[in-house]
Each structure stands twice: as structure tokens, then as C-alpha cells.
Amino acid sequence: MNMPAPDISRSPTRAASTLPGFRLGRISGVELVADFSLLFIVILIAFNLALAVLPAWHPGWPPALRWGVALLAALMFIASIAAHELAHALVAKHYKLPVRRITLFLFGGIAHLEREPDSPRAEFWTAIVGPLLSIAIGVVSVMLGGLLVGDMARLENEPMNAIQHASPLATILLWLGPINVMLGLFNMVPGFPLDGGRVLRAALWWITKDLRKATRIASFTGQVFAWFLMGFGVLMMLGRSVPFFGTGFAAGLWLILIGWFLNNAARASYQQLMIRQTFADVPLRDVMRSNVISVPPNLTVSDLVRDYIVGNDQRSFPVVQDGVLLGQVHPDDLRDLPRIHWNDTPVSRIMVPANRLRVMKPEDDAMDALQELAEQDPIPVVDHSHLVGIARRDDLMRWLAWNSQRTSPRPA
């Protein structure tokens, strides 16, 4: 592997948190989740080590040993990325920033924060701790590997000769060390949303006292850096050698993918901040739809389709009796019901009960509603179990577009 995957840390967005994956456990109250795309990185590292690196370092090793060491090294690298993210999460919690979970995926890791840091100091230390830990892991790994080799002078003067006589554990540490140092240094590049870009934003925030302006500048530098990466990737695919990144078609393609991802992440991070600031202190009652069409629980499915679903832009309907929310019914709930039973089946039989729905209150934060709508749209809004409205993503985005236009500065 010519370069480490970047760490896109502390994203306050919801998108990445909903990626499919599996739960690895919980550390210090933070849930650790592995996205299925992480398997691709493990396979890529293992194949690169087993087929390219280890045969050059240990030509006499049997294939089984090479593959075993390669797989263990790949897993230890993933563990070091998890440690990097956990460092972000623990410092964030120190600054009273709630951390939902850590997600490990194709391009590194994300520590999901519920909101942006409150101060430049919190942003700075939350950002910088990850790269510092990666560099520390790298230095300690090289030192331990050198101790296991038993001849540090030989390792410094004749590294290949010393590595060829290293044990499997020493070999893993001597590979893991430099790759973690590279990870730490790469993430310190001042390109938002890399850690270095967040350190830059913290400095700009401290100087300008304006989080939005600082984020806009840091986001622009992140996009410039991303385009440089994609340009380097093209050169590498054409056979040119780029300092630090190397050369090769596969490595160049990987660099283009990372650049593309960073460019999108930089733009999305700034847009997310604008959304958060526009929705700041806005209660859900101000953006919810109050003129809601609800249905009674004894309404037949055939009447639901004829009188409500057909010709109505409301995608789902709260099921209400005496003002109390009982559940919600959506056209998708009809899929498993044969048409011949529509006339004798009440809506209460196919609805999703209220205790299985995400439900919010009128005084809840509109930004929280927008995040929840990524998983359920619409969301019933209730006051003491009585339905008072629904929150829909389309309505919130229209409100956002209107208020963004009103608050945006006019060109001179």
C-alpha cells in the first residue's frame, strides 16, 4: 500500500453514520462500527503485503506465514485507525461534545459528533490529538521492532538486511510504524476536513471570531488539496513518479478516489455548517406541517387508497383516534396485503404502531429533526401523545432555502 487512507474525522453529518456495517463493541461509551467497505481495505493491505512487500523482505518465508503475517498486519493497522478515532472522541467528550459513534470505512474513520465544537480551543485539541497519536504509535512501533531485531544500528544503516532477519512480530511492527507516521503526517495537511484542515479552521476561527468564515476558508483549502491529489493521481496513472505518493496505475486511481472523496467532504462540511447555523435555535413547531391529513384506525385499506393516497402529495398518514397518535401508514405497508383483502382490512392492521416510530415534540430542535428524517420521513410531532403536526424533509429544506436566501449577503 503506497499511502494510508485518510481520516475524515468528527463529522457532524448523519450520512456516514447510516452506512451499513456491523457493531464491534463500545469503548468509553462510544460505539465502534465497521462499515462493510472496510473489508476492501483489509483485503487490499493483505494482498499488497503478501504478494509484494513480504516476498521482498523475507523471500524464504513459506506462503502460509506470509499470508498470516499480512492479515495480522492489516488488522493491526485498522486497530491503529480505531485508536486514532477514539482519541478524537475522548478529547471531544472532555470538551462536553457528545459523540454518537466511531465508524471505520473504506477511506479511514469518522468520529460522529452531535454538534460542532464550541470554541477554537476545543476544535484544535480535538483535531490534533488523532495525528499526534498516530505518529506516537508509529514511533513506538519502530522502536519496539528495533528492539526485537536486536541491532538498532544495523536497522538504521542496513534496513533491508536487518529486516530480512526479523521475526514475524518485528516485521509487523517495522511495517506498522512508518505507515502510522505517514497517516499522522498526511492528516496534518491543512485540507479540510482532514485533521490539519480542522486545526487550520481552529486558528482562523480564533483570529476572525467567525466560525462560518473560518469554515469557508478551510473548506476551500480542502477542495484545492483534493484537486491536487486527483491531479497527482492522473500523473501516477500515466507512469509519472510523484514524491511521497510514488507511481503506478492502481496507486494513482486510489489517489483520485481519495481526492474525489475529500473534495465532496469539504463541500458537504461547509454546507452542513450553514444548515446548522440557519436552523440554530429554531423549534420544530416553526417548520413542521400542521395541516396534517390523518386517518382513523378503522378505515379500510381500499378507502385509504381511493380517498387519501391517490391524488395526494402526503406520502404517509398518521393514524389518529380522538387526537391521539396510534401509528402511521405508508403505501409501502400495503405490499404484503393481497388486493382481495383491501375491502375488509382496517388500517390499524397494517400501520406501524406509534411505539415503533420516531416521534418528536414541537419544542424539539429543527436540526435534530432534519437528522432524524434521514432515517424516517415523515416524523409525527406530538404534544402529550396528541398529534399536532408532522416534520417532512421537503418542508424543512424549503424553509432552509428560503431563510438562507434572506440571510445571505447581497452582492455589491
Protein backbone atom coordinates (compact mmCIF):
# COMPACT_ATOMS: atom_id res chain seq x y z
CA MET A 1 0.00 0.00 0.00
CA ASN A 2 1.68 3.22 -1.14
CA MET A 3 -0.21 5.53 1.16
CA PRO A 4 -2.57 5.33 4.13
CA ALA A 5 -6.25 6.03 3.92
CA PRO A 6 -7.16 9.47 5.26
CA ASP A 7 -9.08 10.10 8.44
CA ILE A 8 -12.25 12.14 7.86
CA SER A 9 -12.78 12.88 11.50
CA ARG A 10 -15.53 14.21 13.72
CA SER A 11 -18.14 14.64 11.02
CA PRO A 12 -21.34 16.15 12.46
CA THR A 13 -23.31 14.83 9.49
CA ARG A 14 -25.61 11.85 9.59
CA ALA A 15 -24.84 10.27 6.21
CA ALA A 16 -21.86 8.24 7.14
CA SER A 17 -23.44 7.01 10.36
CA THR A 18 -26.16 5.27 8.43
CA LEU A 19 -23.77 3.25 6.27
CA PRO A 20 -24.36 -0.50 6.52
CA GLY A 21 -21.96 -2.27 8.84
CA PHE A 22 -21.60 -4.28 11.99
CA ARG A 23 -21.00 -3.31 15.61
CA LEU A 24 -17.56 -4.09 17.03
CA GLY A 25 -18.28 -3.01 20.59
CA ARG A 26 -18.32 0.02 22.85
CA ILE A 27 -15.29 1.81 24.30
CA SER A 28 -15.67 4.55 26.92
CA GLY A 29 -19.32 4.89 25.99
CA VAL A 30 -18.59 5.29 22.25
CA GLU A 31 -19.98 2.68 19.86
CA LEU A 32 -17.45 1.30 17.36
CA VAL A 33 -18.94 0.30 14.00
CA ALA A 34 -17.18 -1.23 10.97
CA ASP A 35 -18.69 -0.45 7.59
CA PHE A 36 -18.65 -3.34 5.12
CA SER A 37 -16.39 -1.31 2.81
CA LEU A 38 -13.65 -1.71 5.43
CA LEU A 39 -13.24 -5.28 4.21
CA PHE A 40 -11.87 -3.91 0.92
CA ILE A 41 -9.05 -2.08 2.74
CA VAL A 42 -8.16 -5.19 4.78
CA ILE A 43 -8.00 -7.27 1.59
CA LEU A 44 -6.01 -4.58 -0.26
CA ILE A 45 -3.41 -4.30 2.51
CA ALA A 46 -3.15 -8.07 2.99
CA PHE A 47 -2.68 -8.73 -0.73
CA ASN A 48 -0.12 -5.93 -1.07
CA LEU A 49 1.90 -7.25 1.87
CA ALA A 50 1.62 -10.93 1.00
CA LEU A 51 2.36 -10.55 -2.72
CA ALA A 52 4.75 -7.58 -2.86
CA VAL A 53 6.25 -6.42 0.44
CA LEU A 54 6.88 -9.62 2.40
CA PRO A 55 8.38 -11.61 -0.52
CA ALA A 56 10.98 -8.83 -0.87
CA TRP A 57 11.62 -8.64 2.86
CA HIS A 58 11.52 -12.39 3.59
CA PRO A 59 12.00 -14.42 0.38
CA GLY A 60 12.43 -17.59 2.42
CA TRP A 61 9.11 -17.40 4.25
CA PRO A 62 6.51 -20.01 3.24
CA PRO A 63 3.23 -18.68 1.73
CA ALA A 64 1.16 -19.58 4.81
CA LEU A 65 3.41 -17.49 7.06
CA ARG A 66 3.40 -14.54 4.62
CA TRP A 67 -0.40 -14.52 4.40
CA GLY A 68 -0.82 -14.89 8.15
CA VAL A 69 1.53 -12.00 8.88
CA ALA A 70 -0.09 -9.91 6.14
CA LEU A 71 -3.59 -10.41 7.55
CA LEU A 72 -2.47 -9.68 11.11
CA ALA A 73 -0.66 -6.51 9.97
CA ALA A 74 -3.78 -5.34 8.13
CA LEU A 75 -5.93 -5.85 11.23
CA MET A 76 -3.38 -4.05 13.42
CA PHE A 77 -3.45 -1.10 11.01
CA ILE A 78 -7.24 -0.97 11.27
CA ALA A 79 -6.87 -1.09 15.06
CA SER A 80 -4.48 1.88 14.90
CA ILE A 81 -7.06 3.84 12.88
CA ALA A 82 -9.66 2.97 15.52
CA ALA A 83 -7.28 4.26 18.22
CA HIS A 84 -6.81 7.46 16.20
CA GLU A 85 -10.58 7.99 16.10
CA LEU A 86 -11.04 7.06 19.74
CA ALA A 87 -8.53 9.76 20.67
CA HIS A 88 -10.69 12.30 18.82
CA ALA A 89 -13.80 11.02 20.58
CA LEU A 90 -12.31 11.09 24.09
CA VAL A 91 -10.98 14.64 23.73
CA ALA A 92 -14.34 15.71 22.26
CA LYS A 93 -16.13 14.24 25.28
CA HIS A 94 -13.70 16.11 27.52
CA TYR A 95 -15.00 19.31 25.91
CA LYS A 96 -18.62 18.19 26.51
CA LEU A 97 -19.20 17.33 22.84
CA PRO A 98 -21.47 14.28 22.62
CA VAL A 99 -20.03 11.52 20.42
CA ARG A 100 -22.53 9.11 18.88
CA ARG A 101 -20.16 6.52 17.47
CA ILE A 102 -17.00 5.80 15.51
CA THR A 103 -17.38 4.37 12.02
CA LEU A 104 -14.46 2.68 10.24
CA PHE A 105 -14.90 2.53 6.48
CA LEU A 106 -13.15 2.49 3.10
CA PHE A 107 -11.44 5.90 3.44
CA GLY A 108 -10.46 5.70 7.09
CA GLY A 109 -12.64 6.63 10.03
CA ILE A 110 -15.26 9.06 11.31
CA ALA A 111 -15.98 10.06 14.89
CA HIS A 112 -19.58 11.27 14.81
CA LEU A 113 -20.17 14.37 16.90
CA GLU A 114 -23.67 15.62 17.62
CA ARG A 115 -22.61 19.23 17.08
CA GLU A 116 -19.69 21.47 16.19
CA PRO A 117 -17.10 22.40 18.86
CA ASP A 118 -17.98 25.43 20.98
CA SER A 119 -14.59 27.13 20.78
CA PRO A 120 -11.37 27.22 18.74
CA ARG A 121 -9.57 25.56 21.67
CA ALA A 122 -11.95 22.59 21.63
CA GLU A 123 -11.64 22.31 17.83
CA PHE A 124 -7.83 22.49 17.95
CA TRP A 125 -7.25 19.83 20.58
CA THR A 126 -9.98 17.52 19.29
CA ALA A 127 -8.42 17.72 15.82
CA ILE A 128 -4.73 17.46 16.61
CA VAL A 129 -4.85 14.58 19.07
CA GLY A 130 -5.50 11.99 16.33
CA PRO A 131 -2.42 12.70 14.20
CA LEU A 132 -0.27 13.00 17.34
CA LEU A 133 -1.42 9.57 18.49
CA SER A 134 -0.80 8.04 15.04
CA ILE A 135 2.72 9.45 14.98
CA ALA A 136 3.30 8.19 18.53
CA ILE A 137 2.06 4.71 17.57
CA GLY A 138 4.40 4.79 14.60
CA VAL A 139 7.46 5.82 16.62
CA VAL A 140 6.79 3.29 19.38
CA SER A 141 6.22 0.52 16.81
CA VAL A 142 9.55 1.22 15.11
CA MET A 143 11.34 1.31 18.47
CA LEU A 144 9.79 -2.00 19.59
CA GLY A 145 10.55 -3.55 16.21
CA GLY A 146 14.15 -2.40 16.50
CA LEU A 147 14.43 -3.89 19.98
CA LEU A 148 13.12 -7.21 18.70
CA VAL A 149 15.61 -7.13 15.83
CA GLY A 150 18.26 -6.55 18.47
CA ASP A 151 20.52 -4.26 16.45
CA MET A 152 19.25 -0.70 16.06
CA ALA A 153 22.46 0.46 14.38
CA ARG A 154 22.13 -2.25 11.78
CA LEU A 155 18.47 -1.36 11.29
CA GLU A 156 19.41 2.29 10.66
CA ASN A 157 22.42 1.60 8.39
CA GLU A 158 21.28 -1.56 6.60
CA PRO A 159 17.48 -1.64 6.99
CA MET A 160 16.77 -4.34 4.38
CA ASN A 161 19.48 -6.61 5.75
CA ALA A 162 18.17 -6.19 9.30
CA ILE A 163 14.51 -6.69 8.30
CA GLN A 164 15.32 -9.94 6.47
CA HIS A 165 16.39 -11.40 9.82
CA ALA A 166 13.41 -10.01 11.76
CA SER A 167 10.79 -12.19 13.40
CA PRO A 168 7.16 -12.04 12.20
CA LEU A 169 6.19 -9.72 15.09
CA ALA A 170 9.17 -7.42 14.49
CA THR A 171 8.32 -7.36 10.78
CA ILE A 172 4.74 -6.28 11.51
CA LEU A 173 5.92 -3.52 13.87
CA LEU A 174 8.54 -2.25 11.40
CA TRP A 175 5.84 -2.02 8.71
CA LEU A 176 3.17 -0.61 11.02
CA GLY A 177 5.44 2.13 12.35
CA PRO A 178 6.15 4.08 9.15
CA ILE A 179 2.57 3.63 7.87
CA ASN A 180 1.21 5.24 11.07
CA VAL A 181 3.69 8.10 10.85
CA MET A 182 2.54 8.62 7.24
CA LEU A 183 -1.07 8.54 8.40
CA GLY A 184 -0.42 11.17 11.04
CA LEU A 185 1.54 13.46 8.71
CA PHE A 186 -0.96 13.07 5.85
CA ASN A 187 -3.83 14.03 8.12
CA MET A 188 -1.97 17.16 9.23
CA VAL A 189 -2.12 18.58 5.70
CA PRO A 190 -4.22 21.79 6.03
CA GLY A 191 -7.03 20.49 3.85
CA PHE A 192 -10.47 20.45 5.47
CA PRO A 193 -11.97 18.10 6.63
CA LEU A 194 -8.65 16.37 7.36
CA ASP A 195 -7.37 16.96 10.88
CA GLY A 196 -4.88 19.53 9.63
CA GLY A 197 -7.72 21.39 7.95
CA ARG A 198 -9.60 21.45 11.24
CA VAL A 199 -6.50 22.77 13.02
CA LEU A 200 -6.39 25.47 10.33
CA ARG A 201 -10.07 26.22 10.93
CA ALA A 202 -9.42 26.49 14.67
CA ALA A 203 -6.67 29.06 14.02
CA LEU A 204 -8.83 31.03 11.58
CA TRP A 205 -11.75 30.87 13.99
CA TRP A 206 -9.57 32.23 16.78
CA ILE A 207 -8.29 35.06 14.55
CA THR A 208 -11.57 36.05 12.86
CA LYS A 209 -14.01 35.14 15.67
CA ASP A 210 -16.26 33.89 12.86
CA LEU A 211 -16.84 30.13 12.56
CA ARG A 212 -18.60 30.37 9.21
CA LYS A 213 -15.82 32.42 7.62
CA ALA A 214 -13.16 30.12 9.07
CA THR A 215 -15.00 27.07 7.76
CA ARG A 216 -15.42 28.61 4.31
CA ILE A 217 -11.67 29.29 4.00
CA ALA A 218 -10.69 25.90 5.40
CA SER A 219 -13.20 24.18 3.11
CA PHE A 220 -11.70 25.98 0.08
CA THR A 221 -8.19 24.84 1.03
CA GLY A 222 -9.53 21.31 1.41
CA GLN A 223 -11.00 21.39 -2.09
CA VAL A 224 -7.74 22.76 -3.54
CA PHE A 225 -5.79 19.99 -1.83
CA ALA A 226 -8.28 17.40 -3.12
CA TRP A 227 -7.82 18.62 -6.70
CA PHE A 228 -4.05 18.42 -6.31
CA LEU A 229 -4.45 14.81 -5.15
CA MET A 230 -6.58 13.97 -8.16
CA GLY A 231 -4.03 15.65 -10.45
CA PHE A 232 -1.21 13.66 -8.86
CA GLY A 233 -3.29 10.52 -9.30
CA VAL A 234 -3.65 11.17 -13.02
CA LEU A 235 0.14 11.64 -13.35
CA MET A 236 0.76 8.40 -11.44
CA MET A 237 -1.65 6.51 -13.70
CA LEU A 238 0.32 7.83 -16.69
CA GLY A 239 3.56 6.40 -15.26
CA ARG A 240 4.97 9.51 -13.59
CA SER A 241 6.51 9.26 -10.13
CA VAL A 242 5.14 11.71 -7.56
CA PRO A 243 7.20 12.40 -4.39
CA PHE A 244 5.73 10.77 -1.28
CA PHE A 245 2.97 9.01 -3.27
CA GLY A 246 5.07 7.02 -5.74
CA THR A 247 3.74 5.81 -9.07
CA GLY A 248 1.56 3.14 -10.64
CA PHE A 249 -1.90 2.85 -12.16
CA ALA A 250 -3.58 1.32 -9.09
CA ALA A 251 -1.99 3.80 -6.65
CA GLY A 252 -2.94 6.70 -8.93
CA LEU A 253 -6.52 5.51 -9.14
CA TRP A 254 -6.65 5.20 -5.35
CA LEU A 255 -5.33 8.77 -5.01
CA ILE A 256 -8.02 10.04 -7.41
CA LEU A 257 -10.71 8.33 -5.34
CA ILE A 258 -9.35 9.84 -2.12
CA GLY A 259 -9.20 13.29 -3.74
CA TRP A 260 -12.75 12.97 -5.01
CA PHE A 261 -13.95 11.92 -1.57
CA LEU A 262 -12.10 14.77 0.17
CA ASN A 263 -13.48 17.33 -2.28
CA ASN A 264 -17.05 16.20 -1.63
CA ALA A 265 -16.45 16.03 2.13
CA ALA A 266 -15.02 19.56 2.22
CA ARG A 267 -18.03 20.99 0.36
CA ALA A 268 -20.51 19.00 2.44
CA SER A 269 -18.90 20.09 5.73
CA TYR A 270 -19.35 23.78 4.90
CA GLN A 271 -22.91 23.23 3.69
CA GLN A 272 -23.67 21.32 6.87
CA LEU A 273 -22.37 24.18 9.00
CA MET A 274 -24.59 26.67 7.13
CA ILE A 275 -27.58 24.41 7.65
CA ARG A 276 -26.82 24.13 11.36
CA GLN A 277 -26.42 27.87 11.77
CA THR A 278 -29.61 28.60 9.83
CA PHE A 279 -31.55 26.13 11.98
CA ALA A 280 -29.89 27.32 15.20
CA ASP A 281 -32.47 27.76 17.98
CA VAL A 282 -35.36 27.10 15.58
CA PRO A 283 -38.06 24.96 17.25
CA LEU A 284 -39.75 22.25 15.25
CA ARG A 285 -43.14 23.96 15.60
CA ASP A 286 -41.88 26.72 13.27
CA VAL A 287 -41.06 24.36 10.40
CA MET A 288 -43.46 21.44 10.83
CA ARG A 289 -46.58 20.90 8.75
CA SER A 290 -49.57 21.48 11.00
CA ASN A 291 -52.37 20.92 8.45
CA VAL A 292 -51.92 17.17 8.52
CA ILE A 293 -54.26 14.70 6.87
CA SER A 294 -54.77 11.85 9.33
CA VAL A 295 -56.87 8.69 9.07
CA PRO A 296 -58.94 6.76 11.64
CA PRO A 297 -57.80 3.25 12.64
CA ASN A 298 -60.99 1.56 11.35
CA LEU A 299 -60.65 2.98 7.82
CA THR A 300 -60.39 0.18 5.25
CA VAL A 301 -57.31 -0.12 3.08
CA SER A 302 -59.40 0.29 -0.07
CA ASP A 303 -60.80 3.61 1.23
CA LEU A 304 -57.28 4.66 2.23
CA VAL A 305 -56.03 4.12 -1.32
CA ARG A 306 -59.04 5.72 -3.03
CA ASP A 307 -59.65 8.70 -0.76
CA TYR A 308 -56.20 9.50 0.60
CA ILE A 309 -53.21 8.04 -1.25
CA VAL A 310 -54.38 8.70 -4.82
CA GLY A 311 -54.00 12.36 -5.75
CA ASN A 312 -52.34 13.44 -2.50
CA ASP A 313 -48.76 14.62 -2.06
CA GLN A 314 -48.66 13.43 1.56
CA ARG A 315 -46.58 10.27 1.46
CA SER A 316 -47.74 8.72 4.72
CA PHE A 317 -50.65 9.26 7.03
CA PRO A 318 -50.80 9.37 10.84
CA VAL A 319 -53.42 7.04 12.28
CA VAL A 320 -55.28 9.03 14.94
CA GLN A 321 -58.19 8.40 17.27
CA ASP A 322 -59.57 11.19 19.46
CA GLY A 323 -56.46 13.21 18.66
CA VAL A 324 -54.09 10.55 19.99
CA LEU A 325 -51.44 9.16 17.66
CA LEU A 326 -51.83 5.38 17.26
CA GLY A 327 -49.43 4.80 14.39
CA GLN A 328 -48.55 5.74 10.82
CA VAL A 329 -49.40 4.11 7.50
CA HIS A 330 -47.44 4.36 4.25
CA PRO A 331 -48.24 2.96 0.78
CA ASP A 332 -45.34 0.54 1.23
CA ASP A 333 -47.27 -1.06 4.10
CA LEU A 334 -49.74 -2.40 1.53
CA ARG A 335 -47.21 -4.52 -0.34
CA ASP A 336 -47.76 -7.73 1.60
CA LEU A 337 -51.55 -7.42 1.64
CA PRO A 338 -53.35 -9.09 -1.31
CA ARG A 339 -55.72 -6.76 -3.10
CA ILE A 340 -58.71 -9.02 -2.43
CA HIS A 341 -58.38 -8.22 1.29
CA TRP A 342 -58.31 -4.43 0.92
CA ASN A 343 -62.07 -4.07 1.49
CA ASP A 344 -62.11 -5.94 4.80
CA THR A 345 -58.76 -4.93 6.31
CA PRO A 346 -58.63 -1.86 8.59
CA VAL A 347 -55.66 0.48 8.53
CA SER A 348 -54.85 -0.48 12.13
CA ARG A 349 -53.84 -3.95 10.87
CA ILE A 350 -51.09 -2.69 8.53
CA MET A 351 -49.91 0.52 10.22
CA VAL A 352 -46.61 0.93 12.05
CA PRO A 353 -47.56 1.36 15.74
CA ALA A 354 -46.62 4.59 17.47
CA ASN A 355 -44.22 2.81 19.83
CA ARG A 356 -42.11 1.80 16.81
CA LEU A 357 -41.98 5.30 15.30
CA ARG A 358 -39.57 8.14 15.85
CA VAL A 359 -41.74 10.82 17.44
CA MET A 360 -40.72 14.39 18.27
CA LYS A 361 -42.14 17.31 20.23
CA PRO A 362 -42.96 20.84 18.98
CA GLU A 363 -40.19 22.35 21.11
CA ASP A 364 -37.50 19.98 19.78
CA ASP A 365 -34.68 21.41 17.69
CA ALA A 366 -35.33 21.60 13.94
CA MET A 367 -31.77 20.47 13.17
CA ASP A 368 -32.31 17.33 15.23
CA ALA A 369 -35.45 16.68 13.19
CA LEU A 370 -33.54 17.07 9.92
CA GLN A 371 -31.03 14.45 11.09
CA GLU A 372 -33.76 12.06 12.22
CA LEU A 373 -35.53 12.46 8.86
CA ALA A 374 -32.58 10.71 7.22
CA GLU A 375 -33.94 7.50 8.75
CA GLN A 376 -37.70 8.17 8.89
CA ASP A 377 -39.66 10.60 6.75
CA PRO A 378 -42.06 11.99 7.88
CA ILE A 379 -41.85 12.16 11.67
CA PRO A 380 -45.04 12.72 13.70
CA VAL A 381 -44.92 15.68 16.09
CA VAL A 382 -46.91 15.12 19.25
CA ASP A 383 -47.75 17.06 22.38
CA HIS A 384 -48.73 14.79 25.28
CA SER A 385 -49.49 11.93 22.84
CA HIS A 386 -51.74 14.18 20.72
CA LEU A 387 -50.74 14.74 17.11
CA VAL A 388 -50.02 18.41 16.35
CA GLY A 389 -48.16 18.08 13.03
CA ILE A 390 -45.58 16.18 11.01
CA ALA A 391 -41.99 17.02 10.11
CA ARG A 392 -41.09 16.37 6.47
CA ARG A 393 -37.68 16.71 4.90
CA ASP A 394 -39.11 18.55 1.88
CA ASP A 395 -40.74 21.16 4.14
CA LEU A 396 -37.59 21.68 6.18
CA MET A 397 -35.44 22.04 3.06
CA ARG A 398 -37.86 24.60 1.57
CA TRP A 399 -37.75 26.57 4.82
CA LEU A 400 -33.96 26.32 4.78
CA ALA A 401 -33.69 27.53 1.17
CA TRP A 402 -35.98 30.50 1.85
CA ASN A 403 -34.19 31.59 5.02
CA SER A 404 -30.73 31.04 3.52
CA GLN A 405 -31.63 33.43 0.70
CA ARG A 406 -32.91 36.01 3.18
CA THR A 407 -29.79 35.85 5.37
CA SER A 408 -27.18 35.59 2.59
CA PRO A 409 -25.34 38.84 1.85
CA ARG A 410 -26.37 40.54 -1.37
CA PRO A 411 -23.68 41.12 -3.99
CA ALA A 412 -22.47 44.69 -4.25
